[in-house]
N, C-alpha and C. Protein backbone atom coordinates (compact mmCIF):
# COMPACT_ATOMS: atom_id res chain seq x y z
N MET A 1 141.62 150.97 67.28
CA MET A 1 141.85 152.24 66.46
C MET A 1 143.37 152.66 66.74
N LYS A 2 144.14 152.78 65.71
CA LYS A 2 145.51 153.31 65.93
C LYS A 2 145.47 154.76 66.17
N GLN A 3 146.39 155.28 67.13
CA GLN A 3 146.45 156.62 67.52
C GLN A 3 147.62 157.31 66.95
N ILE A 4 147.54 158.38 66.33
CA ILE A 4 148.62 159.09 65.66
C ILE A 4 148.74 160.49 66.29
N LEU A 5 150.00 160.89 66.62
CA LEU A 5 150.36 162.26 67.14
C LEU A 5 150.88 163.03 65.96
N VAL A 6 150.34 164.12 65.54
CA VAL A 6 150.79 165.04 64.56
C VAL A 6 151.36 166.30 65.20
N VAL A 7 152.66 166.59 64.95
CA VAL A 7 153.39 167.69 65.60
C VAL A 7 154.01 168.67 64.63
N ASP A 8 153.39 169.84 64.64
CA ASP A 8 153.86 170.88 63.69
C ASP A 8 153.40 172.20 64.23
N ASP A 9 154.30 173.30 64.13
CA ASP A 9 153.80 174.61 64.61
C ASP A 9 152.98 175.29 63.59
N ASP A 10 152.81 174.74 62.37
CA ASP A 10 151.93 175.18 61.32
C ASP A 10 150.59 174.59 61.49
N GLN A 11 149.65 175.24 61.99
CA GLN A 11 148.35 174.57 62.23
C GLN A 11 147.62 174.24 61.00
N GLU A 12 147.85 174.84 59.81
CA GLU A 12 147.22 174.47 58.61
C GLU A 12 147.76 173.15 58.15
N ILE A 13 148.99 172.82 58.37
CA ILE A 13 149.55 171.47 58.06
C ILE A 13 148.98 170.38 58.93
N VAL A 14 148.83 170.71 60.30
CA VAL A 14 148.32 169.90 61.18
C VAL A 14 146.83 169.47 60.83
N ASN A 15 146.08 170.51 60.44
CA ASN A 15 144.71 170.31 60.13
C ASN A 15 144.57 169.45 58.91
N LEU A 16 145.37 169.77 57.82
CA LEU A 16 145.30 168.99 56.67
C LEU A 16 145.58 167.52 56.87
N ILE A 17 146.75 167.30 57.54
CA ILE A 17 147.11 165.86 57.80
C ILE A 17 145.99 165.22 58.68
N SER A 18 145.46 165.89 59.58
CA SER A 18 144.45 165.28 60.56
C SER A 18 143.25 164.87 59.75
N ILE A 19 142.77 165.77 58.84
CA ILE A 19 141.57 165.45 58.07
C ILE A 19 141.76 164.15 57.26
N TYR A 20 142.89 164.06 56.61
CA TYR A 20 143.10 162.91 55.69
C TYR A 20 143.17 161.62 56.57
N LEU A 21 143.93 161.68 57.72
CA LEU A 21 144.10 160.51 58.52
C LEU A 21 142.85 160.11 59.26
N LYS A 22 142.05 161.08 59.71
CA LYS A 22 140.78 160.79 60.30
C LYS A 22 139.85 160.09 59.32
N ASN A 23 139.87 160.40 58.03
CA ASN A 23 139.10 159.81 56.96
C ASN A 23 139.48 158.35 56.80
N GLU A 24 140.74 158.04 57.29
CA GLU A 24 141.14 156.63 57.17
C GLU A 24 140.95 155.79 58.46
N GLY A 25 140.27 156.47 59.37
CA GLY A 25 139.87 155.72 60.57
C GLY A 25 140.90 155.86 61.81
N PHE A 26 141.86 156.82 61.71
CA PHE A 26 142.85 156.95 62.77
C PHE A 26 142.36 157.92 63.72
N LEU A 27 142.78 157.80 65.03
CA LEU A 27 142.46 158.73 66.10
C LEU A 27 143.67 159.69 66.18
N ILE A 28 143.42 161.07 66.03
CA ILE A 28 144.52 161.99 65.87
C ILE A 28 144.59 162.82 67.18
N HIS A 29 145.88 163.04 67.59
CA HIS A 29 146.31 163.85 68.63
C HIS A 29 147.14 164.97 68.06
N ARG A 30 147.15 166.15 68.58
CA ARG A 30 147.95 167.29 68.06
C ARG A 30 148.82 167.95 68.99
N ALA A 31 149.90 168.45 68.48
CA ALA A 31 150.88 169.26 69.36
C ALA A 31 151.55 170.28 68.45
N SER A 32 151.90 171.43 69.05
CA SER A 32 152.47 172.52 68.12
C SER A 32 154.00 172.58 68.39
N ASN A 33 154.60 171.84 69.35
CA ASN A 33 156.05 171.91 69.47
C ASN A 33 156.48 170.55 70.15
N GLY A 34 157.84 170.46 70.26
CA GLY A 34 158.36 169.16 70.80
C GLY A 34 158.08 168.95 72.25
N LYS A 35 158.03 169.96 73.00
CA LYS A 35 157.70 169.81 74.46
C LYS A 35 156.30 169.22 74.65
N GLU A 36 155.34 169.84 73.93
CA GLU A 36 153.92 169.32 73.98
C GLU A 36 153.90 167.84 73.54
N ALA A 37 154.67 167.55 72.43
CA ALA A 37 154.66 166.24 71.96
C ALA A 37 155.06 165.14 72.91
N LEU A 38 156.29 165.49 73.62
CA LEU A 38 156.76 164.46 74.64
C LEU A 38 155.72 164.30 75.80
N GLU A 39 155.06 165.45 76.13
CA GLU A 39 154.06 165.26 77.20
C GLU A 39 152.93 164.41 76.75
N LEU A 40 152.48 164.54 75.57
CA LEU A 40 151.40 163.64 75.01
C LEU A 40 151.87 162.13 74.88
N MET A 41 153.11 162.03 74.43
CA MET A 41 153.59 160.67 74.32
C MET A 41 153.54 159.90 75.66
N ASN A 42 153.78 160.63 76.73
CA ASN A 42 153.80 160.01 78.09
C ASN A 42 152.37 159.79 78.61
N LYS A 43 151.37 160.50 78.01
CA LYS A 43 149.96 160.42 78.52
C LYS A 43 149.10 159.40 77.62
N GLU A 44 149.40 159.40 76.39
CA GLU A 44 148.56 158.60 75.36
C GLU A 44 149.33 157.34 74.82
N ASN A 45 148.55 156.43 74.37
CA ASN A 45 149.17 155.25 73.76
C ASN A 45 149.25 155.51 72.24
N ILE A 46 150.30 156.33 71.89
CA ILE A 46 150.53 156.73 70.56
C ILE A 46 151.15 155.61 69.78
N ASP A 47 150.62 155.24 68.57
CA ASP A 47 151.09 154.16 67.69
C ASP A 47 152.06 154.65 66.67
N LEU A 48 151.96 155.98 66.26
CA LEU A 48 152.84 156.57 65.29
C LEU A 48 152.98 158.09 65.49
N LEU A 49 154.18 158.66 65.28
CA LEU A 49 154.40 160.04 65.43
C LEU A 49 154.78 160.63 64.11
N ILE A 50 154.01 161.79 63.74
CA ILE A 50 154.35 162.58 62.59
C ILE A 50 154.96 163.92 63.12
N LEU A 51 156.21 164.12 62.83
CA LEU A 51 156.97 165.13 63.53
C LEU A 51 157.67 166.13 62.63
N ASP A 52 157.39 167.40 62.76
CA ASP A 52 158.06 168.40 61.98
C ASP A 52 159.47 168.58 62.48
N LEU A 53 160.48 168.89 61.63
CA LEU A 53 161.79 169.02 61.99
C LEU A 53 162.08 170.36 62.66
N MET A 54 161.65 171.38 62.09
CA MET A 54 161.91 172.76 62.66
C MET A 54 160.67 173.35 63.38
N MET A 55 160.79 173.45 64.71
CA MET A 55 159.72 173.94 65.56
C MET A 55 160.28 174.78 66.68
N PRO A 56 159.47 175.66 67.32
CA PRO A 56 159.90 176.39 68.42
C PRO A 56 159.93 175.54 69.72
N VAL A 57 160.52 176.04 70.74
CA VAL A 57 160.64 175.37 72.08
C VAL A 57 161.52 174.12 72.09
N MET A 58 161.15 173.10 71.21
CA MET A 58 161.96 171.87 71.07
C MET A 58 161.78 171.46 69.59
N ASP A 59 162.76 171.19 68.83
CA ASP A 59 162.72 170.75 67.52
C ASP A 59 162.43 169.30 67.38
N GLY A 60 162.16 168.80 66.12
CA GLY A 60 161.83 167.39 65.90
C GLY A 60 163.02 166.47 66.20
N MET A 61 164.35 167.04 65.85
CA MET A 61 165.40 166.12 66.06
C MET A 61 165.64 165.81 67.58
N GLU A 62 165.50 166.79 68.45
CA GLU A 62 165.55 166.54 69.88
C GLU A 62 164.48 165.62 70.38
N VAL A 63 163.29 165.86 69.91
CA VAL A 63 162.14 164.81 70.31
C VAL A 63 162.57 163.41 69.95
N CYS A 64 163.06 163.19 68.71
CA CYS A 64 163.52 161.85 68.26
C CYS A 64 164.63 161.36 69.25
N ARG A 65 165.55 162.16 69.49
CA ARG A 65 166.68 161.65 70.33
C ARG A 65 166.09 161.25 71.70
N ARG A 66 165.31 162.11 72.33
CA ARG A 66 164.78 161.77 73.64
C ARG A 66 163.95 160.54 73.66
N LEU A 67 163.08 160.34 72.65
CA LEU A 67 162.29 159.15 72.65
C LEU A 67 163.10 157.97 72.49
N ARG A 68 164.09 157.92 71.65
CA ARG A 68 164.95 156.77 71.50
C ARG A 68 165.79 156.49 72.74
N GLU A 69 166.15 157.59 73.40
CA GLU A 69 166.90 157.38 74.64
C GLU A 69 166.05 156.81 75.77
N GLN A 70 164.66 156.91 75.66
CA GLN A 70 163.69 156.33 76.57
C GLN A 70 163.42 154.87 76.09
N ASP A 71 164.12 154.44 75.02
CA ASP A 71 163.84 153.09 74.39
C ASP A 71 162.41 153.00 73.82
N SER A 72 161.90 154.09 73.31
CA SER A 72 160.61 154.12 72.62
C SER A 72 160.89 153.59 71.23
N LEU A 73 160.11 152.62 70.76
CA LEU A 73 160.16 152.13 69.33
C LEU A 73 159.01 152.68 68.49
N VAL A 74 158.28 153.69 68.93
CA VAL A 74 157.15 154.15 68.15
C VAL A 74 157.81 154.65 66.79
N PRO A 75 157.03 154.27 65.70
CA PRO A 75 157.49 154.74 64.36
C PRO A 75 157.45 156.21 64.32
N ILE A 76 158.44 156.86 63.57
CA ILE A 76 158.50 158.37 63.49
C ILE A 76 158.64 158.66 62.02
N LEU A 77 157.68 159.52 61.49
CA LEU A 77 157.73 160.02 60.15
C LEU A 77 158.15 161.53 60.35
N MET A 78 159.25 161.84 59.82
CA MET A 78 159.77 163.24 59.93
C MET A 78 159.34 164.14 58.79
N LEU A 79 158.88 165.35 59.13
CA LEU A 79 158.54 166.32 58.06
C LEU A 79 159.60 167.45 58.06
N THR A 80 160.04 167.79 56.78
CA THR A 80 161.05 168.86 56.78
C THR A 80 160.85 169.71 55.68
N ALA A 81 161.04 171.05 55.83
CA ALA A 81 160.89 171.98 54.80
C ALA A 81 162.14 172.11 53.95
N LYS A 82 163.18 171.52 54.41
CA LYS A 82 164.46 171.56 53.71
C LYS A 82 164.63 170.37 52.84
N SER A 83 165.39 170.60 51.79
CA SER A 83 165.59 169.47 50.74
C SER A 83 167.04 168.99 50.77
N GLU A 84 167.91 169.59 51.51
CA GLU A 84 169.33 169.09 51.46
C GLU A 84 169.40 167.75 52.09
N ASP A 85 170.24 166.84 51.48
CA ASP A 85 170.31 165.51 51.94
C ASP A 85 170.85 165.47 53.39
N ILE A 86 171.68 166.44 53.88
CA ILE A 86 172.25 166.35 55.25
C ILE A 86 171.14 166.48 56.20
N ASP A 87 170.07 167.21 55.90
CA ASP A 87 168.99 167.39 56.92
C ASP A 87 168.21 166.08 57.03
N LYS A 88 167.96 165.33 55.87
CA LYS A 88 167.26 164.10 55.90
C LYS A 88 168.16 163.11 56.65
N ILE A 89 169.43 163.07 56.36
CA ILE A 89 170.23 162.08 57.00
C ILE A 89 170.29 162.39 58.55
N SER A 90 170.41 163.57 58.91
CA SER A 90 170.46 163.91 60.32
C SER A 90 169.19 163.45 61.01
N GLY A 91 168.08 163.65 60.35
CA GLY A 91 166.79 163.13 60.89
C GLY A 91 166.77 161.73 61.12
N LEU A 92 167.27 160.95 60.25
CA LEU A 92 167.32 159.49 60.30
C LEU A 92 168.33 159.05 61.42
N MET A 93 169.40 159.76 61.47
CA MET A 93 170.34 159.47 62.52
C MET A 93 169.80 159.63 63.84
N SER A 94 168.91 160.58 64.03
CA SER A 94 168.33 160.84 65.28
C SER A 94 167.25 159.94 65.75
N GLY A 95 166.97 159.04 64.81
CA GLY A 95 165.94 157.91 65.20
C GLY A 95 164.71 157.91 64.37
N ALA A 96 164.47 158.78 63.34
CA ALA A 96 163.26 158.75 62.65
C ALA A 96 163.34 157.51 61.67
N ASP A 97 162.09 157.03 61.30
CA ASP A 97 162.00 155.85 60.46
C ASP A 97 161.86 156.20 59.02
N ASP A 98 161.31 157.42 58.76
CA ASP A 98 161.10 157.83 57.31
C ASP A 98 160.97 159.35 57.34
N TYR A 99 160.95 159.99 56.25
CA TYR A 99 160.83 161.42 56.13
C TYR A 99 160.09 161.89 54.88
N LEU A 100 159.53 163.03 54.91
CA LEU A 100 158.87 163.63 53.79
C LEU A 100 159.23 165.05 53.78
N THR A 101 159.53 165.58 52.52
CA THR A 101 159.95 166.95 52.41
C THR A 101 158.69 167.88 52.01
N LYS A 102 158.51 168.94 52.62
CA LYS A 102 157.44 169.91 52.29
C LYS A 102 157.83 170.67 51.08
N PRO A 103 156.78 171.02 50.24
CA PRO A 103 155.40 170.66 50.35
C PRO A 103 155.21 169.12 49.88
N PHE A 104 154.13 168.54 50.44
CA PHE A 104 153.83 167.10 50.22
C PHE A 104 152.48 166.93 49.93
N ASN A 105 152.14 165.83 49.20
CA ASN A 105 150.71 165.45 48.95
C ASN A 105 150.24 164.74 50.21
N PRO A 106 149.18 165.11 50.75
CA PRO A 106 148.57 164.48 52.00
C PRO A 106 148.36 163.00 51.84
N LEU A 107 148.02 162.66 50.63
CA LEU A 107 147.89 161.20 50.26
C LEU A 107 149.07 160.40 50.46
N GLU A 108 150.31 161.04 50.23
CA GLU A 108 151.51 160.41 50.40
C GLU A 108 151.83 160.27 51.85
N VAL A 109 151.37 161.19 52.71
CA VAL A 109 151.44 161.02 54.16
C VAL A 109 150.67 159.77 54.61
N VAL A 110 149.48 159.69 54.22
CA VAL A 110 148.58 158.53 54.51
C VAL A 110 149.28 157.23 54.15
N ALA A 111 149.86 157.16 52.92
CA ALA A 111 150.49 155.95 52.41
C ALA A 111 151.68 155.59 53.28
N ARG A 112 152.56 156.63 53.69
CA ARG A 112 153.74 156.41 54.44
C ARG A 112 153.23 155.96 55.81
N VAL A 113 152.21 156.51 56.42
CA VAL A 113 151.77 156.06 57.72
C VAL A 113 151.39 154.68 57.71
N LYS A 114 150.54 154.27 56.74
CA LYS A 114 150.02 152.85 56.61
C LYS A 114 151.23 151.87 56.49
N THR A 115 152.21 152.27 55.64
CA THR A 115 153.32 151.36 55.46
C THR A 115 154.13 151.16 56.77
N LEU A 116 154.38 152.26 57.46
CA LEU A 116 155.12 152.17 58.68
C LEU A 116 154.36 151.31 59.81
N LEU A 117 153.04 151.55 59.91
CA LEU A 117 152.29 150.80 60.83
C LEU A 117 152.18 149.31 60.52
N ARG A 118 152.03 149.08 59.24
CA ARG A 118 151.92 147.64 58.76
C ARG A 118 153.29 146.98 58.99
N ARG A 119 154.37 147.65 58.83
CA ARG A 119 155.67 147.10 58.96
C ARG A 119 155.99 146.74 60.45
N VAL A 120 155.52 147.62 61.33
CA VAL A 120 155.80 147.47 62.79
C VAL A 120 154.93 146.37 63.39
N TYR A 121 153.55 146.44 63.01
CA TYR A 121 152.64 145.52 63.70
C TYR A 121 152.30 144.25 63.00
N GLN A 122 152.85 144.04 61.86
CA GLN A 122 152.67 142.78 61.12
C GLN A 122 153.29 141.56 61.85
N TYR A 123 154.28 141.85 62.68
CA TYR A 123 155.02 140.73 63.30
C TYR A 123 154.18 140.06 64.35
N VAL A 124 153.12 140.67 64.87
CA VAL A 124 152.30 140.07 65.89
C VAL A 124 151.71 138.76 65.41
N SER A 125 151.36 138.69 64.13
CA SER A 125 150.72 137.53 63.63
C SER A 125 151.66 136.47 63.08
N LYS A 126 152.97 136.75 63.16
CA LYS A 126 153.94 135.73 62.67
C LYS A 126 154.02 134.55 63.61
N PRO A 127 154.34 133.32 63.12
CA PRO A 127 154.53 132.16 63.95
C PRO A 127 155.64 132.20 64.83
N GLN A 128 155.64 131.42 65.90
CA GLN A 128 156.70 131.35 66.84
C GLN A 128 158.02 130.91 66.37
N SER A 129 157.97 130.12 65.20
CA SER A 129 159.14 129.54 64.63
C SER A 129 160.00 130.55 63.88
N ASP A 130 159.57 131.82 63.76
CA ASP A 130 160.30 132.83 62.95
C ASP A 130 161.43 133.34 63.79
N LEU A 131 162.46 132.50 64.13
CA LEU A 131 163.62 132.93 64.84
C LEU A 131 164.82 132.73 63.97
N ILE A 132 165.67 133.77 63.86
CA ILE A 132 166.86 133.65 63.05
C ILE A 132 168.11 133.70 64.06
N LEU A 133 168.99 132.77 63.88
CA LEU A 133 170.10 132.68 64.78
C LEU A 133 171.45 132.75 63.89
N ILE A 134 172.30 133.64 64.06
CA ILE A 134 173.56 133.76 63.39
C ILE A 134 174.65 134.07 64.42
N ASP A 135 175.33 133.08 64.84
CA ASP A 135 176.34 133.13 65.93
C ASP A 135 175.72 133.76 67.15
N ASN A 136 176.11 134.94 67.61
CA ASN A 136 175.65 135.51 68.78
C ASN A 136 174.45 136.58 68.50
N LEU A 137 173.98 136.51 67.32
CA LEU A 137 172.81 137.38 66.96
C LEU A 137 171.61 136.61 66.82
N GLU A 138 170.54 137.08 67.62
CA GLU A 138 169.20 136.38 67.50
C GLU A 138 168.09 137.45 67.11
N ILE A 139 167.38 137.00 66.09
CA ILE A 139 166.26 137.91 65.57
C ILE A 139 164.96 137.12 65.74
N ASP A 140 164.12 137.65 66.52
CA ASP A 140 162.76 137.06 66.76
C ASP A 140 161.77 137.94 65.89
N GLN A 141 161.30 137.32 64.85
CA GLN A 141 160.35 138.11 63.94
C GLN A 141 159.02 138.16 64.52
N GLN A 142 158.59 137.25 65.53
CA GLN A 142 157.35 137.31 66.09
C GLN A 142 157.23 138.48 67.14
N SER A 143 158.23 138.49 67.94
CA SER A 143 158.13 139.56 69.03
C SER A 143 158.90 140.87 68.64
N HIS A 144 159.48 140.78 67.34
CA HIS A 144 160.17 141.98 66.82
C HIS A 144 161.26 142.37 67.73
N THR A 145 162.02 141.45 68.27
CA THR A 145 163.15 141.77 69.09
C THR A 145 164.43 141.23 68.57
N VAL A 146 165.52 141.93 68.95
CA VAL A 146 166.86 141.45 68.43
C VAL A 146 167.83 141.41 69.64
N LYS A 147 168.61 140.31 69.74
CA LYS A 147 169.52 140.19 70.78
C LYS A 147 170.93 140.01 70.24
N ALA A 148 171.86 140.71 70.77
CA ALA A 148 173.32 140.61 70.39
C ALA A 148 174.07 140.23 71.63
N ALA A 149 174.67 138.97 71.58
CA ALA A 149 175.39 138.46 72.70
C ALA A 149 174.53 138.43 73.96
N GLY A 150 173.17 138.14 73.72
CA GLY A 150 172.27 137.97 74.84
C GLY A 150 171.59 139.30 75.33
N LYS A 151 172.06 140.48 74.76
CA LYS A 151 171.48 141.68 75.19
C LYS A 151 170.53 142.19 74.15
N VAL A 152 169.31 142.62 74.68
CA VAL A 152 168.27 143.12 73.74
C VAL A 152 168.79 144.48 73.13
N ILE A 153 168.68 144.54 71.85
CA ILE A 153 169.10 145.73 71.10
C ILE A 153 167.79 146.37 70.47
N LEU A 154 167.64 147.68 70.77
CA LEU A 154 166.42 148.37 70.38
C LEU A 154 166.70 148.93 68.93
N LEU A 155 165.83 148.49 67.93
CA LEU A 155 165.95 148.95 66.57
C LEU A 155 164.63 149.64 66.16
N THR A 156 164.78 150.66 65.18
CA THR A 156 163.60 151.17 64.66
C THR A 156 162.92 150.14 63.64
N ALA A 157 161.83 150.46 63.16
CA ALA A 157 161.11 149.50 62.27
C ALA A 157 161.95 149.20 61.00
N LYS A 158 162.49 150.23 60.44
CA LYS A 158 163.27 150.06 59.22
C LYS A 158 164.55 149.31 59.44
N GLU A 159 165.24 149.67 60.58
CA GLU A 159 166.45 148.99 60.92
C GLU A 159 166.22 147.45 61.06
N PHE A 160 165.08 147.15 61.70
CA PHE A 160 164.64 145.73 61.92
C PHE A 160 164.44 145.05 60.59
N SER A 161 163.76 145.71 59.67
CA SER A 161 163.50 145.16 58.39
C SER A 161 164.70 144.86 57.62
N ILE A 162 165.66 145.85 57.54
CA ILE A 162 166.88 145.65 56.80
C ILE A 162 167.63 144.46 57.36
N LEU A 163 167.81 144.46 58.69
CA LEU A 163 168.57 143.36 59.41
C LEU A 163 167.93 142.06 59.07
N THR A 164 166.61 141.89 59.14
CA THR A 164 165.86 140.71 58.92
C THR A 164 166.13 140.15 57.50
N ILE A 165 166.04 141.05 56.51
CA ILE A 165 166.28 140.68 55.13
C ILE A 165 167.73 140.13 54.99
N LEU A 166 168.67 140.83 55.50
CA LEU A 166 170.15 140.41 55.35
C LEU A 166 170.34 139.11 56.09
N ALA A 167 169.79 138.90 57.27
CA ALA A 167 170.03 137.82 58.14
C ALA A 167 169.26 136.54 57.62
N SER A 168 168.14 136.78 56.91
CA SER A 168 167.35 135.72 56.45
C SER A 168 168.02 135.04 55.23
N ASN A 169 168.97 135.71 54.62
CA ASN A 169 169.63 135.23 53.43
C ASN A 169 171.14 135.34 53.55
N PRO A 170 171.82 134.71 54.61
CA PRO A 170 173.17 134.90 54.88
C PRO A 170 174.04 134.56 53.63
N GLY A 171 175.03 135.38 53.38
CA GLY A 171 175.91 135.21 52.22
C GLY A 171 175.51 135.89 50.98
N ARG A 172 174.23 136.22 50.89
CA ARG A 172 173.75 137.01 49.71
C ARG A 172 173.98 138.46 49.89
N VAL A 173 174.45 139.02 48.75
CA VAL A 173 174.72 140.48 48.79
C VAL A 173 173.49 141.28 48.21
N TYR A 174 173.07 142.17 49.05
CA TYR A 174 171.90 143.05 48.64
C TYR A 174 172.42 144.49 48.27
N SER A 175 172.02 144.96 47.07
CA SER A 175 172.43 146.30 46.83
C SER A 175 171.62 147.28 47.53
N ALA A 176 172.03 148.54 47.60
CA ALA A 176 171.24 149.55 48.28
C ALA A 176 169.90 149.67 47.64
N GLU A 177 169.88 149.58 46.29
CA GLU A 177 168.57 149.70 45.60
C GLU A 177 167.65 148.59 46.03
N GLU A 178 168.15 147.36 46.09
CA GLU A 178 167.23 146.21 46.50
C GLU A 178 166.71 146.43 47.89
N LEU A 179 167.60 146.79 48.76
CA LEU A 179 167.17 146.98 50.21
C LEU A 179 166.07 148.11 50.33
N TYR A 180 166.30 149.19 49.57
CA TYR A 180 165.35 150.35 49.63
C TYR A 180 164.03 149.85 49.13
N GLN A 181 164.02 149.18 48.00
CA GLN A 181 162.73 148.79 47.45
C GLN A 181 162.02 147.75 48.28
N LEU A 182 162.75 146.87 48.93
CA LEU A 182 162.16 145.80 49.77
C LEU A 182 161.62 146.40 51.07
N VAL A 183 162.24 147.35 51.72
CA VAL A 183 161.93 147.99 52.90
C VAL A 183 160.94 149.15 52.72
N TRP A 184 161.24 150.03 51.82
CA TRP A 184 160.34 151.20 51.65
C TRP A 184 159.12 150.96 50.75
N LYS A 185 159.22 149.74 49.96
CA LYS A 185 158.09 149.44 49.07
C LYS A 185 157.80 150.51 48.02
N GLU A 186 158.89 151.13 47.54
CA GLU A 186 158.78 152.26 46.54
C GLU A 186 160.01 152.17 45.69
N SER A 187 159.89 152.93 44.60
CA SER A 187 161.06 153.05 43.62
C SER A 187 162.19 153.71 44.31
N TYR A 188 163.41 153.21 43.94
CA TYR A 188 164.69 153.76 44.38
C TYR A 188 164.99 154.98 43.76
N MET A 189 165.06 156.14 44.40
CA MET A 189 165.33 157.45 43.76
C MET A 189 166.49 158.14 44.60
N ASN A 190 167.79 157.81 44.13
CA ASN A 190 168.92 158.40 44.79
C ASN A 190 168.80 158.30 46.28
N ALA A 191 168.47 157.17 46.82
CA ALA A 191 168.31 156.99 48.22
C ALA A 191 169.54 156.12 48.84
N ASN A 192 170.64 156.22 48.15
CA ASN A 192 171.74 155.45 48.69
C ASN A 192 172.14 155.94 50.11
N ASN A 193 172.09 157.30 50.36
CA ASN A 193 172.45 157.85 51.59
C ASN A 193 171.45 157.31 52.70
N THR A 194 170.21 157.12 52.40
CA THR A 194 169.25 156.61 53.39
C THR A 194 169.67 155.26 53.79
N ILE A 195 170.09 154.38 52.89
CA ILE A 195 170.40 152.98 53.28
C ILE A 195 171.69 153.10 54.03
N MET A 196 172.64 153.87 53.62
CA MET A 196 173.99 153.95 54.39
C MET A 196 173.75 154.41 55.92
N VAL A 197 172.85 155.38 56.05
CA VAL A 197 172.54 155.83 57.41
C VAL A 197 171.99 154.64 58.21
N HIS A 198 171.04 153.94 57.70
CA HIS A 198 170.44 152.81 58.49
C HIS A 198 171.44 151.65 58.71
N ILE A 199 172.34 151.40 57.70
CA ILE A 199 173.29 150.40 57.94
C ILE A 199 174.27 150.85 59.07
N SER A 200 174.66 152.08 58.95
CA SER A 200 175.56 152.69 60.00
C SER A 200 174.95 152.57 61.38
N ASN A 201 173.68 152.93 61.41
CA ASN A 201 172.97 152.82 62.80
C ASN A 201 173.00 151.38 63.35
N LEU A 202 172.70 150.50 62.36
CA LEU A 202 172.59 149.00 62.75
C LEU A 202 173.98 148.56 63.29
N ARG A 203 175.04 148.97 62.58
CA ARG A 203 176.43 148.49 62.98
C ARG A 203 176.81 149.12 64.40
N ASP A 204 176.45 150.31 64.54
CA ASP A 204 176.69 150.95 65.85
C ASP A 204 176.03 150.25 66.99
N LYS A 205 174.81 149.86 66.84
CA LYS A 205 174.01 149.15 67.84
C LYS A 205 174.48 147.75 68.07
N LEU A 206 174.77 147.05 67.02
CA LEU A 206 175.06 145.60 67.08
C LEU A 206 176.54 145.29 67.46
N GLU A 207 177.41 145.95 66.86
CA GLU A 207 178.85 145.67 66.96
C GLU A 207 179.35 146.02 68.34
N LYS A 208 178.71 146.97 69.00
CA LYS A 208 179.15 147.28 70.37
C LYS A 208 179.06 146.08 71.27
N GLU A 209 178.06 145.34 71.09
CA GLU A 209 177.79 144.10 71.86
C GLU A 209 178.54 142.83 71.31
N LEU A 210 178.44 142.72 70.03
CA LEU A 210 178.93 141.53 69.36
C LEU A 210 180.45 141.58 69.28
N GLY A 211 181.09 142.72 69.19
CA GLY A 211 182.51 142.78 69.15
C GLY A 211 183.08 142.46 67.81
N TYR A 212 182.26 142.38 66.82
CA TYR A 212 182.77 142.09 65.43
C TYR A 212 181.79 142.70 64.45
N LYS A 213 182.20 142.90 63.19
CA LYS A 213 181.34 143.39 62.19
C LYS A 213 180.43 142.40 61.57
N VAL A 214 179.10 142.64 61.85
CA VAL A 214 178.14 141.55 61.39
C VAL A 214 177.61 141.85 60.02
N ILE A 215 177.55 143.16 59.63
CA ILE A 215 177.09 143.51 58.30
C ILE A 215 178.32 143.94 57.52
N LYS A 216 178.63 143.29 56.44
CA LYS A 216 179.76 143.51 55.68
C LYS A 216 179.40 144.31 54.34
N THR A 217 180.36 145.29 54.02
CA THR A 217 180.08 146.03 52.77
C THR A 217 180.95 145.41 51.71
N ILE A 218 180.30 145.15 50.57
CA ILE A 218 180.94 144.65 49.43
C ILE A 218 181.03 145.84 48.48
N TRP A 219 182.14 146.52 48.36
CA TRP A 219 182.27 147.85 47.77
C TRP A 219 181.80 147.75 46.31
N GLY A 220 180.90 148.67 45.94
CA GLY A 220 180.44 148.80 44.56
C GLY A 220 179.33 147.81 44.30
N VAL A 221 178.96 146.92 45.29
CA VAL A 221 177.93 145.98 45.18
C VAL A 221 176.78 146.15 46.10
N GLY A 222 177.10 146.09 47.42
CA GLY A 222 176.08 146.21 48.45
C GLY A 222 176.46 145.61 49.79
N TYR A 223 175.53 144.96 50.45
CA TYR A 223 175.77 144.55 51.89
C TYR A 223 175.32 143.14 51.96
N LYS A 224 175.96 142.39 53.04
CA LYS A 224 175.62 141.08 53.32
C LYS A 224 175.90 140.76 54.81
N ILE A 225 175.31 139.68 55.24
CA ILE A 225 175.66 139.05 56.50
C ILE A 225 176.13 137.64 56.34
N GLU A 226 177.25 137.25 56.80
CA GLU A 226 177.73 135.83 56.73
C GLU A 226 177.14 134.94 57.81
N LYS A 227 176.90 133.75 57.49
CA LYS A 227 176.45 132.77 58.46
C LYS A 227 177.56 132.35 59.39
């Protein structure tokens, strides 16, 4: 049974999300602020974190940053009451895998949770031969690991998916729309900033070790990786 931690200082929201996720067979843990969330993350085997952005004591952005600094790869779905793009982008930059803006349909939360979990844990069943090698970049789809110049690089679930798509078809240019639809499994709705943030994160993590730009931008078209 997958365990999900729901973190929000609004108990009505926590209760609502918990009810819907419990009906889907998930085991739910609750926290009302970031400090409680980190304590529970250290005690329980949490498979996914639903995290409010604005909370007392410690906000969701700080929780994200601390977890990623601890090399945690747990999928994070960020909840925000704000609709400005800068807030969503900041959440993604801090390590979140996806976001939803309040108010939201609880069925959409369930759908996003299932998508994130499926994306992260589907690699367990992949065959050992699913290894992609491009120069000093190594992507193991079975173990869900990436090495750049021999060093293991920690990626979020969506970063891994984007990198795998580009590396599986070297030389092919993927538009932001294509990448969004392939990774998020939903219609592309002004999500270019989302793709840009994930590409930027990937470059920062990979190029520091590789010493060269592995993901190239084809202006006005999209992104590609050369063999």
